[in-house]
Amino acid sequence: MVNQYETVFIVTPVLSEDQMKETVKKYVDFLTNRGAEIVYTNNWGMRKLAYPIKKKSSGFYYLIEFKAEGSLIADLEIAYKRDERLLRFLTVSLDKHAIAYNEKKRAAKQNAVEAAPAEA
């Protein structure tokens, strides 16, 4: 049965921009190669952590929303655990209310971008 999931991971801040993008691409490819459908991705950028993790006080946050079989999640989390570039990760299953909320939030963001006046 295909469910919708949301995964957020924090990449170590010592990586360059290219290395960070390569890490994200690795997990997007990991999901698509195993039959997942990517619904939405969002780079939250560099953020300060609430507490130090592996002696780091900040990290690159990245979100991927996708549809996949439940059995894929265990493989994804094993890949996360093996990757030294990741500080933390969390994957959650979305219910119909969370899916509706995310779609509404994305639509509102899109409308705000379209309504913003173009800079000259």
N, C-alpha and C. Protein backbone atom coordinates (compact mmCIF):
# COMPACT_ATOMS: atom_id res chain seq x y z
N MET A 1 0.84 -1.19 0.00
CA MET A 1 0.00 0.00 0.00
C MET A 1 0.89 1.25 0.00
N VAL A 2 0.56 2.19 -0.86
CA VAL A 2 1.35 3.42 -0.98
C VAL A 2 0.83 4.46 0.00
N ASN A 3 1.74 4.98 0.81
CA ASN A 3 1.43 6.05 1.75
C ASN A 3 2.25 7.27 1.39
N GLN A 4 1.87 8.40 1.97
CA GLN A 4 2.64 9.62 1.75
C GLN A 4 3.46 9.89 3.00
N TYR A 5 4.74 10.21 2.79
CA TYR A 5 5.67 10.44 3.88
C TYR A 5 6.36 11.78 3.72
N GLU A 6 6.92 12.23 4.83
CA GLU A 6 7.71 13.45 4.84
C GLU A 6 8.98 13.12 5.62
N THR A 7 10.12 13.40 5.03
CA THR A 7 11.38 13.17 5.73
C THR A 7 12.17 14.47 5.76
N VAL A 8 12.75 14.74 6.91
CA VAL A 8 13.59 15.91 7.08
C VAL A 8 14.93 15.41 7.60
N PHE A 9 16.01 15.89 7.02
CA PHE A 9 17.32 15.52 7.54
C PHE A 9 18.19 16.76 7.65
N ILE A 10 19.16 16.67 8.56
CA ILE A 10 20.09 17.77 8.80
C ILE A 10 21.47 17.31 8.35
N VAL A 11 22.06 18.06 7.42
CA VAL A 11 23.38 17.75 6.88
C VAL A 11 24.41 18.60 7.62
N THR A 12 25.56 18.00 7.89
CA THR A 12 26.63 18.71 8.61
C THR A 12 27.01 20.02 7.90
N PRO A 13 27.28 21.07 8.66
CA PRO A 13 27.57 22.38 8.05
C PRO A 13 28.97 22.50 7.46
N VAL A 14 29.85 21.52 7.65
CA VAL A 14 31.22 21.63 7.13
C VAL A 14 31.31 21.32 5.65
N LEU A 15 30.21 20.86 5.05
CA LEU A 15 30.21 20.54 3.62
C LEU A 15 30.09 21.81 2.78
N SER A 16 30.63 21.76 1.57
CA SER A 16 30.44 22.87 0.64
C SER A 16 29.02 22.80 0.07
N GLU A 17 28.63 23.83 -0.64
CA GLU A 17 27.30 23.87 -1.25
C GLU A 17 27.12 22.71 -2.23
N ASP A 18 28.15 22.42 -3.01
CA ASP A 18 28.07 21.31 -3.97
C ASP A 18 27.95 19.97 -3.27
N GLN A 19 28.69 19.77 -2.19
CA GLN A 19 28.62 18.52 -1.45
C GLN A 19 27.24 18.34 -0.81
N MET A 20 26.66 19.44 -0.35
CA MET A 20 25.33 19.38 0.25
C MET A 20 24.31 18.99 -0.81
N LYS A 21 24.40 19.60 -2.00
CA LYS A 21 23.48 19.27 -3.10
C LYS A 21 23.65 17.82 -3.53
N GLU A 22 24.89 17.34 -3.53
CA GLU A 22 25.16 15.95 -3.89
C GLU A 22 24.52 14.99 -2.89
N THR A 23 24.57 15.35 -1.60
CA THR A 23 23.96 14.53 -0.56
C THR A 23 22.45 14.46 -0.74
N VAL A 24 21.83 15.60 -1.01
CA VAL A 24 20.39 15.65 -1.24
C VAL A 24 20.02 14.83 -2.47
N LYS A 25 20.77 14.99 -3.54
CA LYS A 25 20.51 14.25 -4.79
C LYS A 25 20.61 12.75 -4.54
N LYS A 26 21.55 12.34 -3.69
CA LYS A 26 21.71 10.92 -3.37
C LYS A 26 20.41 10.35 -2.81
N TYR A 27 19.77 11.07 -1.90
CA TYR A 27 18.55 10.55 -1.27
C TYR A 27 17.33 10.68 -2.16
N VAL A 28 17.27 11.71 -2.98
CA VAL A 28 16.17 11.82 -3.95
C VAL A 28 16.28 10.68 -4.95
N ASP A 29 17.49 10.41 -5.44
CA ASP A 29 17.70 9.29 -6.35
C ASP A 29 17.41 7.95 -5.67
N PHE A 30 17.81 7.82 -4.41
CA PHE A 30 17.55 6.60 -3.64
C PHE A 30 16.05 6.30 -3.64
N LEU A 31 15.26 7.34 -3.38
CA LEU A 31 13.80 7.16 -3.33
C LEU A 31 13.22 6.84 -4.70
N THR A 32 13.58 7.61 -5.71
CA THR A 32 12.99 7.41 -7.04
C THR A 32 13.41 6.07 -7.65
N ASN A 33 14.65 5.63 -7.39
CA ASN A 33 15.11 4.35 -7.91
C ASN A 33 14.38 3.17 -7.28
N ARG A 34 13.77 3.38 -6.12
CA ARG A 34 13.04 2.32 -5.45
C ARG A 34 11.52 2.49 -5.59
N GLY A 35 11.11 3.28 -6.56
CA GLY A 35 9.70 3.39 -6.89
C GLY A 35 8.92 4.47 -6.17
N ALA A 36 9.58 5.31 -5.43
CA ALA A 36 8.87 6.39 -4.73
C ALA A 36 8.59 7.53 -5.70
N GLU A 37 7.51 8.24 -5.44
CA GLU A 37 7.16 9.42 -6.23
C GLU A 37 7.41 10.65 -5.37
N ILE A 38 8.30 11.51 -5.81
CA ILE A 38 8.63 12.73 -5.07
C ILE A 38 7.50 13.73 -5.29
N VAL A 39 6.88 14.17 -4.20
CA VAL A 39 5.79 15.13 -4.26
C VAL A 39 6.32 16.56 -4.15
N TYR A 40 7.29 16.76 -3.25
CA TYR A 40 7.75 18.12 -2.97
C TYR A 40 9.11 18.04 -2.28
N THR A 41 10.00 18.96 -2.61
CA THR A 41 11.27 19.09 -1.88
C THR A 41 11.46 20.55 -1.50
N ASN A 42 12.14 20.77 -0.39
CA ASN A 42 12.36 22.14 0.06
C ASN A 42 13.67 22.22 0.83
N ASN A 43 14.54 23.11 0.40
CA ASN A 43 15.79 23.38 1.09
C ASN A 43 15.51 24.47 2.11
N TRP A 44 15.58 24.14 3.39
CA TRP A 44 15.35 25.12 4.44
C TRP A 44 16.59 25.93 4.74
N GLY A 45 17.72 25.52 4.20
CA GLY A 45 18.96 26.28 4.37
C GLY A 45 19.66 25.99 5.69
N MET A 46 20.67 26.79 5.95
CA MET A 46 21.46 26.65 7.18
C MET A 46 20.68 27.22 8.35
N ARG A 47 20.57 26.43 9.41
CA ARG A 47 19.86 26.87 10.61
C ARG A 47 20.65 26.50 11.86
N LYS A 48 20.44 27.27 12.87
CA LYS A 48 21.08 26.98 14.16
C LYS A 48 20.34 25.83 14.83
N LEU A 49 21.08 24.90 15.41
CA LEU A 49 20.48 23.77 16.11
C LEU A 49 20.09 24.19 17.53
N ALA A 50 19.08 23.53 18.08
CA ALA A 50 18.65 23.83 19.43
C ALA A 50 19.71 23.42 20.46
N TYR A 51 20.49 22.39 20.12
CA TYR A 51 21.56 21.93 20.99
C TYR A 51 22.64 21.32 20.10
N PRO A 52 23.88 21.31 20.55
CA PRO A 52 24.96 20.77 19.71
C PRO A 52 24.78 19.28 19.41
N ILE A 53 25.04 18.90 18.16
CA ILE A 53 25.03 17.50 17.74
C ILE A 53 26.38 17.23 17.09
N LYS A 54 27.11 16.27 17.60
CA LYS A 54 28.45 15.94 17.09
C LYS A 54 29.34 17.19 17.05
N LYS A 55 29.22 18.00 18.09
CA LYS A 55 29.99 19.24 18.26
C LYS A 55 29.70 20.29 17.18
N LYS A 56 28.56 20.19 16.53
CA LYS A 56 28.12 21.18 15.53
C LYS A 56 26.94 21.95 16.11
N SER A 57 26.92 23.26 15.87
CA SER A 57 25.82 24.07 16.40
C SER A 57 24.86 24.54 15.30
N SER A 58 25.14 24.15 14.04
CA SER A 58 24.23 24.50 12.94
C SER A 58 24.27 23.37 11.92
N GLY A 59 23.33 23.44 10.97
CA GLY A 59 23.29 22.41 9.93
C GLY A 59 22.36 22.83 8.80
N PHE A 60 22.51 22.15 7.65
CA PHE A 60 21.63 22.38 6.51
C PHE A 60 20.40 21.48 6.66
N TYR A 61 19.22 22.08 6.68
CA TYR A 61 17.98 21.32 6.78
C TYR A 61 17.40 21.11 5.39
N TYR A 62 16.87 19.91 5.15
CA TYR A 62 16.25 19.61 3.86
C TYR A 62 15.03 18.73 4.07
N LEU A 63 13.94 19.03 3.35
CA LEU A 63 12.69 18.28 3.45
C LEU A 63 12.37 17.62 2.12
N ILE A 64 11.93 16.37 2.18
CA ILE A 64 11.45 15.66 1.00
C ILE A 64 10.10 15.04 1.36
N GLU A 65 9.09 15.35 0.56
CA GLU A 65 7.76 14.73 0.72
C GLU A 65 7.58 13.77 -0.45
N PHE A 66 7.18 12.53 -0.15
CA PHE A 66 7.12 11.52 -1.20
C PHE A 66 6.04 10.48 -0.91
N LYS A 67 5.66 9.75 -1.96
CA LYS A 67 4.72 8.63 -1.85
C LYS A 67 5.50 7.35 -2.12
N ALA A 68 5.32 6.35 -1.23
CA ALA A 68 6.07 5.11 -1.38
C ALA A 68 5.43 4.00 -0.56
N GLU A 69 5.89 2.79 -0.81
CA GLU A 69 5.52 1.63 0.00
C GLU A 69 6.14 1.79 1.39
N GLY A 70 5.48 1.28 2.39
CA GLY A 70 5.99 1.38 3.76
C GLY A 70 7.31 0.67 3.97
N SER A 71 7.56 -0.39 3.22
CA SER A 71 8.79 -1.17 3.38
C SER A 71 10.03 -0.37 2.99
N LEU A 72 9.86 0.66 2.19
CA LEU A 72 10.99 1.49 1.75
C LEU A 72 11.59 2.31 2.89
N ILE A 73 10.78 2.65 3.88
CA ILE A 73 11.21 3.53 4.97
C ILE A 73 12.37 2.91 5.76
N ALA A 74 12.31 1.61 6.03
CA ALA A 74 13.38 0.96 6.78
C ALA A 74 14.70 1.05 6.01
N ASP A 75 14.65 0.83 4.69
CA ASP A 75 15.87 0.93 3.87
C ASP A 75 16.40 2.36 3.86
N LEU A 76 15.50 3.34 3.76
CA LEU A 76 15.90 4.75 3.75
C LEU A 76 16.59 5.11 5.06
N GLU A 77 16.02 4.69 6.19
CA GLU A 77 16.60 5.05 7.47
C GLU A 77 17.93 4.34 7.72
N ILE A 78 18.10 3.14 7.19
CA ILE A 78 19.41 2.47 7.28
C ILE A 78 20.45 3.27 6.50
N ALA A 79 20.06 3.75 5.30
CA ALA A 79 20.97 4.58 4.50
C ALA A 79 21.32 5.86 5.25
N TYR A 80 20.33 6.48 5.91
CA TYR A 80 20.59 7.68 6.71
C TYR A 80 21.61 7.39 7.82
N LYS A 81 21.41 6.28 8.53
CA LYS A 81 22.28 5.95 9.66
C LYS A 81 23.72 5.70 9.22
N ARG A 82 23.90 5.19 8.03
CA ARG A 82 25.24 4.89 7.52
C ARG A 82 25.98 6.12 6.98
N ASP A 83 25.27 7.20 6.76
CA ASP A 83 25.85 8.40 6.16
C ASP A 83 26.39 9.33 7.25
N GLU A 84 27.70 9.51 7.27
CA GLU A 84 28.33 10.37 8.29
C GLU A 84 28.04 11.85 8.08
N ARG A 85 27.55 12.22 6.90
CA ARG A 85 27.27 13.63 6.62
C ARG A 85 25.97 14.09 7.27
N LEU A 86 25.12 13.16 7.69
CA LEU A 86 23.85 13.52 8.31
C LEU A 86 23.98 13.58 9.82
N LEU A 87 23.47 14.66 10.40
CA LEU A 87 23.47 14.80 11.86
C LEU A 87 22.22 14.17 12.47
N ARG A 88 21.07 14.42 11.88
CA ARG A 88 19.80 13.88 12.37
C ARG A 88 18.85 13.70 11.19
N PHE A 89 17.82 12.88 11.40
CA PHE A 89 16.77 12.69 10.39
C PHE A 89 15.49 12.29 11.09
N LEU A 90 14.39 12.54 10.42
CA LEU A 90 13.08 12.13 10.92
C LEU A 90 12.18 11.89 9.72
N THR A 91 11.51 10.74 9.70
CA THR A 91 10.57 10.41 8.64
C THR A 91 9.23 10.12 9.30
N VAL A 92 8.18 10.77 8.81
CA VAL A 92 6.84 10.56 9.37
C VAL A 92 5.86 10.25 8.25
N SER A 93 4.86 9.45 8.59
CA SER A 93 3.78 9.14 7.67
C SER A 93 2.72 10.23 7.80
N LEU A 94 2.24 10.73 6.67
CA LEU A 94 1.25 11.81 6.70
C LEU A 94 -0.16 11.24 6.57
N ASP A 95 -1.05 11.70 7.43
CA ASP A 95 -2.46 11.32 7.28
C ASP A 95 -3.13 12.31 6.32
N LYS A 96 -4.41 12.09 6.04
CA LYS A 96 -5.10 12.93 5.04
C LYS A 96 -5.15 14.40 5.45
N HIS A 97 -5.19 14.68 6.76
CA HIS A 97 -5.24 16.06 7.22
C HIS A 97 -3.89 16.76 7.01
N ALA A 98 -2.81 16.04 7.26
CA ALA A 98 -1.47 16.61 7.06
C ALA A 98 -1.21 16.85 5.58
N ILE A 99 -1.66 15.93 4.73
CA ILE A 99 -1.50 16.09 3.29
C ILE A 99 -2.25 17.32 2.81
N ALA A 100 -3.50 17.47 3.28
CA ALA A 100 -4.31 18.63 2.90
C ALA A 100 -3.67 19.93 3.40
N TYR A 101 -3.14 19.91 4.61
CA TYR A 101 -2.49 21.09 5.17
C TYR A 101 -1.26 21.48 4.33
N ASN A 102 -0.44 20.48 3.98
CA ASN A 102 0.76 20.77 3.18
C ASN A 102 0.39 21.33 1.81
N GLU A 103 -0.63 20.77 1.17
CA GLU A 103 -1.06 21.27 -0.14
C GLU A 103 -1.58 22.70 -0.03
N LYS A 104 -2.35 22.98 1.02
CA LYS A 104 -2.89 24.32 1.24
C LYS A 104 -1.76 25.32 1.48
N LYS A 105 -0.76 24.91 2.26
CA LYS A 105 0.38 25.77 2.56
C LYS A 105 1.19 26.07 1.30
N ARG A 106 1.41 25.06 0.46
CA ARG A 106 2.15 25.26 -0.79
C ARG A 106 1.37 26.16 -1.75
N ALA A 107 0.04 25.98 -1.81
CA ALA A 107 -0.78 26.82 -2.69
C ALA A 107 -0.75 28.28 -2.23
N ALA A 108 -0.81 28.50 -0.93
CA ALA A 108 -0.75 29.86 -0.39
C ALA A 108 0.61 30.50 -0.69
N LYS A 109 1.67 29.73 -0.56
CA LYS A 109 3.01 30.23 -0.85
C LYS A 109 3.13 30.59 -2.33
N GLN A 110 2.59 29.72 -3.21
CA GLN A 110 2.63 29.96 -4.65
C GLN A 110 1.84 31.22 -5.00
N ASN A 111 0.68 31.39 -4.38
CA ASN A 111 -0.15 32.58 -4.64
C ASN A 111 0.56 33.85 -4.18
N ALA A 112 1.27 33.77 -3.05
CA ALA A 112 2.01 34.93 -2.55
C ALA A 112 3.14 35.31 -3.52
N VAL A 113 3.80 34.31 -4.07
CA VAL A 113 4.88 34.57 -5.03
C VAL A 113 4.33 35.21 -6.30
N GLU A 114 3.20 34.70 -6.78
CA GLU A 114 2.58 35.24 -8.00
C GLU A 114 2.04 36.64 -7.79
N ALA A 115 1.55 36.93 -6.58
CA ALA A 115 0.97 38.24 -6.30
C ALA A 115 2.02 39.31 -6.01
N ALA A 116 3.24 38.89 -5.69
CA ALA A 116 4.30 39.86 -5.38
C ALA A 116 4.66 40.65 -6.65
N PRO A 117 4.80 41.96 -6.51
CA PRO A 117 5.16 42.75 -7.69
C PRO A 117 6.58 42.44 -8.15
N ALA A 118 6.76 42.41 -9.44
CA ALA A 118 8.09 42.14 -10.03
C ALA A 118 8.99 43.35 -9.81
N GLU A 119 10.23 43.06 -9.41
CA GLU A 119 11.17 44.16 -9.17
C GLU A 119 11.75 44.61 -10.51
N ALA A 120 11.91 45.91 -10.65
CA ALA A 120 12.43 46.48 -11.90
C ALA A 120 13.92 46.56 -11.91
